[in-house]
Amino acid sequence: MRFMVVLFLLVVATQEPIFDEGIALLSGEKWALSQGYSIEVKGVDFEGENIWLSVSQDNTTLYDGVVPKGTVLCVYHTKEKFSVVENGNEEGAVLVITVYEIYEGATQDLVLFFVKQYKDTLLPMSPAEQKQSQPPQESEEMVPSPSYGLTEVLFVLFMLVLLPLVTMFFKRRFK
């Protein structure tokens, strides 16, 4: 049994993240991640030092609590249960959420997170998520070609023709 746990942790620890980005959420907003995970900022305290954070997986609350700026939440998933550890070890975690910055506003508050999500091998990925994680297949029939819209063409014409004329006009007029 110990061998299986060690093997599982080694496989999870060596995986590439499927999501590795910073996100910004206003108070009351929810961010959906792959495999049914989501993060929600329920509120910010008056000093702007703590947030009320909820972490869910398929509408099941995994964590619901107040955390200060700088906290790293690590979500682990074993066959028996989910567990969330504040400032835990990132090895073996399927979701790592860092509360990076809290901005307090007059009407709304903004929280910046850094989120890493690894594939949870105990949960299925939707077909759309599987397509996103796979590199695009190049076909010999597909030849990339630029497509310029009317807006881009007009902008280039303006920059090449009209802008030099306008600057010359104003130079002569205000000398």
C-alpha atoms as a PDB file:
ATOM      1  CA  MET A   1       0.000   0.000   0.000  1.00  0.00           C
ATOM      2  CA  ARG A   2       2.833   2.419   0.835  1.00  0.00           C
ATOM      3  CA  PHE A   3       4.401   1.701  -2.530  1.00  0.00           C
ATOM      4  CA  MET A   4       1.159   2.703  -4.299  1.00  0.00           C
ATOM      5  CA  VAL A   5       0.929   5.961  -2.334  1.00  0.00           C
ATOM      6  CA  VAL A   6       4.568   6.826  -3.090  1.00  0.00           C
ATOM      7  CA  LEU A   7       4.062   5.954  -6.757  1.00  0.00           C
ATOM      8  CA  PHE A   8       0.910   8.084  -6.901  1.00  0.00           C
ATOM      9  CA  LEU A   9       2.707  11.057  -5.338  1.00  0.00           C
ATOM     10  CA  LEU A  10       5.644  10.693  -7.739  1.00  0.00           C
ATOM     11  CA  VAL A  11       3.340  10.648 -10.763  1.00  0.00           C
ATOM     12  CA  VAL A  12       1.381  13.684  -9.592  1.00  0.00           C
ATOM     13  CA  ALA A  13       4.526  15.599  -8.574  1.00  0.00           C
ATOM     14  CA  THR A  14       6.138  15.180 -11.994  1.00  0.00           C
ATOM     15  CA  GLN A  15       3.080  16.228 -14.003  1.00  0.00           C
ATOM     16  CA  GLU A  16       2.906  19.459 -15.941  1.00  0.00           C
ATOM     17  CA  PRO A  17       0.145  21.804 -14.778  1.00  0.00           C
ATOM     18  CA  ILE A  18      -2.961  21.980 -16.960  1.00  0.00           C
ATOM     19  CA  PHE A  19      -3.576  25.536 -15.699  1.00  0.00           C
ATOM     20  CA  ASP A  20      -0.772  27.802 -14.489  1.00  0.00           C
ATOM     21  CA  GLU A  21      -1.829  31.447 -14.521  1.00  0.00           C
ATOM     22  CA  GLY A  22      -2.705  34.459 -12.474  1.00  0.00           C
ATOM     23  CA  ILE A  23      -6.369  35.356 -12.148  1.00  0.00           C
ATOM     24  CA  ALA A  24      -8.217  38.395 -10.795  1.00  0.00           C
ATOM     25  CA  LEU A  25     -11.609  38.100  -9.143  1.00  0.00           C
ATOM     26  CA  LEU A  26     -13.933  40.774  -7.866  1.00  0.00           C
ATOM     27  CA  SER A  27     -15.697  40.143  -4.602  1.00  0.00           C
ATOM     28  CA  GLY A  28     -18.617  37.805  -5.348  1.00  0.00           C
ATOM     29  CA  GLU A  29     -17.118  36.368  -8.549  1.00  0.00           C
ATOM     30  CA  LYS A  30     -16.453  32.699  -9.237  1.00  0.00           C
ATOM     31  CA  TRP A  31     -13.727  31.220 -11.494  1.00  0.00           C
ATOM     32  CA  ALA A  32     -14.305  27.796 -13.066  1.00  0.00           C
ATOM     33  CA  LEU A  33     -11.313  25.511 -13.607  1.00  0.00           C
ATOM     34  CA  SER A  34     -10.973  22.126 -15.332  1.00  0.00           C
ATOM     35  CA  GLN A  35     -12.455  18.959 -13.872  1.00  0.00           C
ATOM     36  CA  GLY A  36     -15.212  20.804 -12.035  1.00  0.00           C
ATOM     37  CA  TYR A  37     -13.014  22.801  -9.651  1.00  0.00           C
ATOM     38  CA  SER A  38     -13.923  26.418  -8.920  1.00  0.00           C
ATOM     39  CA  ILE A  39     -12.725  29.326  -6.785  1.00  0.00           C
ATOM     40  CA  GLU A  40     -15.036  32.003  -5.393  1.00  0.00           C
ATOM     41  CA  VAL A  41     -14.257  35.196  -3.494  1.00  0.00           C
ATOM     42  CA  LYS A  42     -17.190  35.720  -1.143  1.00  0.00           C
ATOM     43  CA  GLY A  43     -15.869  38.867   0.513  1.00  0.00           C
ATOM     44  CA  VAL A  44     -12.973  41.008   1.713  1.00  0.00           C
ATOM     45  CA  ASP A  45     -12.522  42.381   5.248  1.00  0.00           C
ATOM     46  CA  PHE A  46     -12.516  46.124   5.961  1.00  0.00           C
ATOM     47  CA  GLU A  47      -8.723  46.331   6.278  1.00  0.00           C
ATOM     48  CA  GLY A  48      -8.149  44.533   2.960  1.00  0.00           C
ATOM     49  CA  GLU A  49      -5.919  41.924   4.586  1.00  0.00           C
ATOM     50  CA  ASN A  50      -8.182  38.841   4.569  1.00  0.00           C
ATOM     51  CA  ILE A  51     -10.627  37.291   2.121  1.00  0.00           C
ATOM     52  CA  TRP A  52     -13.487  34.864   2.492  1.00  0.00           C
ATOM     53  CA  LEU A  53     -12.636  32.157  -0.032  1.00  0.00           C
ATOM     54  CA  SER A  54     -14.580  29.130  -1.198  1.00  0.00           C
ATOM     55  CA  VAL A  55     -13.077  26.250  -3.203  1.00  0.00           C
ATOM     56  CA  SER A  56     -15.461  23.715  -4.750  1.00  0.00           C
ATOM     57  CA  GLN A  57     -15.421  20.646  -6.930  1.00  0.00           C
ATOM     58  CA  ASP A  58     -18.668  19.902  -8.831  1.00  0.00           C
ATOM     59  CA  ASN A  59     -20.681  22.104  -6.427  1.00  0.00           C
ATOM     60  CA  THR A  60     -19.271  20.293  -3.366  1.00  0.00           C
ATOM     61  CA  THR A  61     -17.533  22.752  -1.064  1.00  0.00           C
ATOM     62  CA  LEU A  62     -13.994  21.628  -0.292  1.00  0.00           C
ATOM     63  CA  TYR A  63     -12.921  24.756   1.578  1.00  0.00           C
ATOM     64  CA  ASP A  64     -14.856  27.723   2.905  1.00  0.00           C
ATOM     65  CA  GLY A  65     -12.924  30.058   5.152  1.00  0.00           C
ATOM     66  CA  VAL A  66     -11.078  33.294   5.760  1.00  0.00           C
ATOM     67  CA  VAL A  67      -7.475  33.468   4.558  1.00  0.00           C
ATOM     68  CA  PRO A  68      -4.925  36.305   4.698  1.00  0.00           C
ATOM     69  CA  LYS A  69      -2.891  37.674   1.814  1.00  0.00           C
ATOM     70  CA  GLY A  70       0.067  35.418   1.017  1.00  0.00           C
ATOM     71  CA  THR A  71      -1.691  32.184   1.950  1.00  0.00           C
ATOM     72  CA  VAL A  72      -1.124  29.144  -0.250  1.00  0.00           C
ATOM     73  CA  LEU A  73      -4.004  26.653  -0.291  1.00  0.00           C
ATOM     74  CA  CYS A  74      -3.147  23.143  -1.476  1.00  0.00           C
ATOM     75  CA  VAL A  75      -5.976  20.796  -2.486  1.00  0.00           C
ATOM     76  CA  TYR A  76      -5.234  17.082  -2.385  1.00  0.00           C
ATOM     77  CA  HIS A  77      -7.443  14.277  -3.698  1.00  0.00           C
ATOM     78  CA  THR A  78      -7.091  10.655  -2.664  1.00  0.00           C
ATOM     79  CA  LYS A  79      -9.503   7.791  -3.271  1.00  0.00           C
ATOM     80  CA  GLU A  80     -11.045   8.335   0.151  1.00  0.00           C
ATOM     81  CA  LYS A  81     -11.430  12.113   0.328  1.00  0.00           C
ATOM     82  CA  PHE A  82     -10.458  15.643  -0.616  1.00  0.00           C
ATOM     83  CA  SER A  83      -8.296  17.637   1.763  1.00  0.00           C
ATOM     84  CA  VAL A  84      -7.250  21.279   1.776  1.00  0.00           C
ATOM     85  CA  VAL A  85      -4.182  22.456   3.674  1.00  0.00           C
ATOM     86  CA  GLU A  86      -3.213  26.083   4.259  1.00  0.00           C
ATOM     87  CA  ASN A  87       0.462  26.730   3.455  1.00  0.00           C
ATOM     88  CA  GLY A  88       0.905  23.023   2.744  1.00  0.00           C
ATOM     89  CA  ASN A  89       3.414  21.189   0.599  1.00  0.00           C
ATOM     90  CA  GLU A  90       2.672  21.644  -3.104  1.00  0.00           C
ATOM     91  CA  GLU A  91       3.910  18.154  -3.937  1.00  0.00           C
ATOM     92  CA  GLY A  92       1.014  15.866  -4.705  1.00  0.00           C
ATOM     93  CA  ALA A  93      -1.552  18.681  -4.752  1.00  0.00           C
ATOM     94  CA  VAL A  94      -4.045  18.811  -7.612  1.00  0.00           C
ATOM     95  CA  LEU A  95      -4.754  22.504  -7.037  1.00  0.00           C
ATOM     96  CA  VAL A  96      -2.462  25.198  -5.576  1.00  0.00           C
ATOM     97  CA  ILE A  97      -4.021  28.623  -4.933  1.00  0.00           C
ATOM     98  CA  THR A  98      -1.874  31.552  -3.784  1.00  0.00           C
ATOM     99  CA  VAL A  99      -3.627  34.705  -2.525  1.00  0.00           C
ATOM    100  CA  TYR A 100      -1.232  37.171  -4.118  1.00  0.00           C
ATOM    101  CA  GLU A 101      -2.761  40.598  -3.540  1.00  0.00           C
ATOM    102  CA  ILE A 102      -5.961  42.156  -2.183  1.00  0.00           C
ATOM    103  CA  TYR A 103      -7.179  45.542  -3.432  1.00  0.00           C
ATOM    104  CA  GLU A 104      -9.889  47.258  -1.450  1.00  0.00           C
ATOM    105  CA  GLY A 105     -12.240  49.550  -3.332  1.00  0.00           C
ATOM    106  CA  ALA A 106     -15.073  51.890  -2.427  1.00  0.00           C
ATOM    107  CA  THR A 107     -17.714  49.719  -4.105  1.00  0.00           C
ATOM    108  CA  GLN A 108     -15.899  46.513  -5.044  1.00  0.00           C
ATOM    109  CA  ASP A 109     -12.804  44.642  -3.981  1.00  0.00           C
ATOM    110  CA  LEU A 110     -10.321  42.847  -6.227  1.00  0.00           C
ATOM    111  CA  VAL A 111      -8.245  39.794  -5.335  1.00  0.00           C
ATOM    112  CA  LEU A 112      -5.295  38.540  -7.394  1.00  0.00           C
ATOM    113  CA  PHE A 113      -4.470  34.836  -7.280  1.00  0.00           C
ATOM    114  CA  PHE A 114      -1.792  32.650  -8.744  1.00  0.00           C
ATOM    115  CA  VAL A 115      -3.340  29.249  -9.531  1.00  0.00           C
ATOM    116  CA  LYS A 116      -1.721  25.981 -10.573  1.00  0.00           C
ATOM    117  CA  GLN A 117      -3.928  23.032 -11.425  1.00  0.00           C
ATOM    118  CA  TYR A 118      -2.605  19.566 -12.124  1.00  0.00           C
ATOM    119  CA  LYS A 119      -4.646  16.822 -13.750  1.00  0.00           C
ATOM    120  CA  ASP A 120      -6.615  14.994 -11.071  1.00  0.00           C
ATOM    121  CA  THR A 121      -6.172  11.379 -12.129  1.00  0.00           C
ATOM    122  CA  LEU A 122      -9.197  10.359 -10.057  1.00  0.00           C
ATOM    123  CA  LEU A 123     -11.536  12.665 -12.008  1.00  0.00           C
ATOM    124  CA  PRO A 124     -12.424  12.533 -15.704  1.00  0.00           C
ATOM    125  CA  MET A 125     -11.735  15.423 -18.033  1.00  0.00           C
ATOM    126  CA  SER A 126     -14.476  16.615 -20.359  1.00  0.00           C
ATOM    127  CA  PRO A 127     -13.902  16.147 -24.123  1.00  0.00           C
ATOM    128  CA  ALA A 128     -13.417  19.903 -24.529  1.00  0.00           C
ATOM    129  CA  GLU A 129     -10.755  19.932 -21.807  1.00  0.00           C
ATOM    130  CA  GLN A 130      -8.983  16.979 -23.416  1.00  0.00           C
ATOM    131  CA  LYS A 131      -8.836  18.824 -26.744  1.00  0.00           C
ATOM    132  CA  GLN A 132      -7.367  21.907 -25.050  1.00  0.00           C
ATOM    133  CA  SER A 133      -4.629  19.905 -23.353  1.00  0.00           C
ATOM    134  CA  GLN A 134      -3.570  18.175 -26.585  1.00  0.00           C
ATOM    135  CA  PRO A 135      -1.306  19.998 -29.056  1.00  0.00           C
ATOM    136  CA  PRO A 136      -3.013  20.893 -32.328  1.00  0.00           C
ATOM    137  CA  GLN A 137      -2.530  18.425 -35.162  1.00  0.00           C
ATOM    138  CA  GLU A 138      -1.073  19.984 -38.287  1.00  0.00           C
ATOM    139  CA  SER A 139      -2.430  18.792 -41.575  1.00  0.00           C
ATOM    140  CA  GLU A 140      -0.799  19.109 -44.965  1.00  0.00           C
ATOM    141  CA  GLU A 141      -4.072  20.478 -46.332  1.00  0.00           C
ATOM    142  CA  MET A 142      -4.149  23.353 -43.850  1.00  0.00           C
ATOM    143  CA  VAL A 143      -2.048  26.303 -44.974  1.00  0.00           C
ATOM    144  CA  PRO A 144      -1.996  29.229 -42.571  1.00  0.00           C
ATOM    145  CA  SER A 145      -2.940  32.479 -44.232  1.00  0.00           C
ATOM    146  CA  PRO A 146      -3.336  35.876 -42.676  1.00  0.00           C
ATOM    147  CA  SER A 147      -6.804  37.351 -42.762  1.00  0.00           C
ATOM    148  CA  TYR A 148      -6.983  41.093 -42.409  1.00  0.00           C
ATOM    149  CA  GLY A 149     -10.243  42.806 -41.652  1.00  0.00           C
ATOM    150  CA  LEU A 150     -11.343  46.197 -42.844  1.00  0.00           C
ATOM    151  CA  THR A 151     -10.325  47.805 -39.546  1.00  0.00           C
ATOM    152  CA  GLU A 152      -6.711  46.651 -39.836  1.00  0.00           C
ATOM    153  CA  VAL A 153      -6.456  47.788 -43.471  1.00  0.00           C
ATOM    154  CA  LEU A 154      -7.879  51.226 -42.695  1.00  0.00           C
ATOM    155  CA  PHE A 155      -5.535  51.620 -39.731  1.00  0.00           C
ATOM    156  CA  VAL A 156      -2.474  50.789 -41.858  1.00  0.00           C
ATOM    157  CA  LEU A 157      -3.598  53.198 -44.576  1.00  0.00           C
ATOM    158  CA  PHE A 158      -4.118  55.928 -41.998  1.00  0.00           C
ATOM    159  CA  MET A 159      -0.689  55.366 -40.497  1.00  0.00           C
ATOM    160  CA  LEU A 160       1.089  55.290 -43.873  1.00  0.00           C
ATOM    161  CA  VAL A 161      -0.721  58.063 -45.725  1.00  0.00           C
ATOM    162  CA  LEU A 162      -2.797  60.360 -43.593  1.00  0.00           C
ATOM    163  CA  LEU A 163      -0.664  60.655 -40.472  1.00  0.00           C
ATOM    164  CA  PRO A 164       2.430  62.065 -42.275  1.00  0.00           C
ATOM    165  CA  LEU A 165       0.211  64.519 -44.187  1.00  0.00           C
ATOM    166  CA  VAL A 166      -1.487  65.710 -41.026  1.00  0.00           C
ATOM    167  CA  THR A 167       1.811  66.189 -39.197  1.00  0.00           C
ATOM    168  CA  MET A 168       3.268  68.170 -42.134  1.00  0.00           C
ATOM    169  CA  PHE A 169       0.161  70.397 -42.190  1.00  0.00           C
ATOM    170  CA  PHE A 170       0.424  71.221 -38.491  1.00  0.00           C
ATOM    171  CA  LYS A 171       4.192  71.780 -38.673  1.00  0.00           C
ATOM    172  CA  ARG A 172       3.752  74.395 -41.396  1.00  0.00           C
ATOM    173  CA  ARG A 173       0.749  76.015 -39.763  1.00  0.00           C
ATOM    174  CA  PHE A 174       2.297  76.518 -36.294  1.00  0.00           C
ATOM    175  CA  LYS A 175       5.841  77.583 -37.318  1.00  0.00           C
END
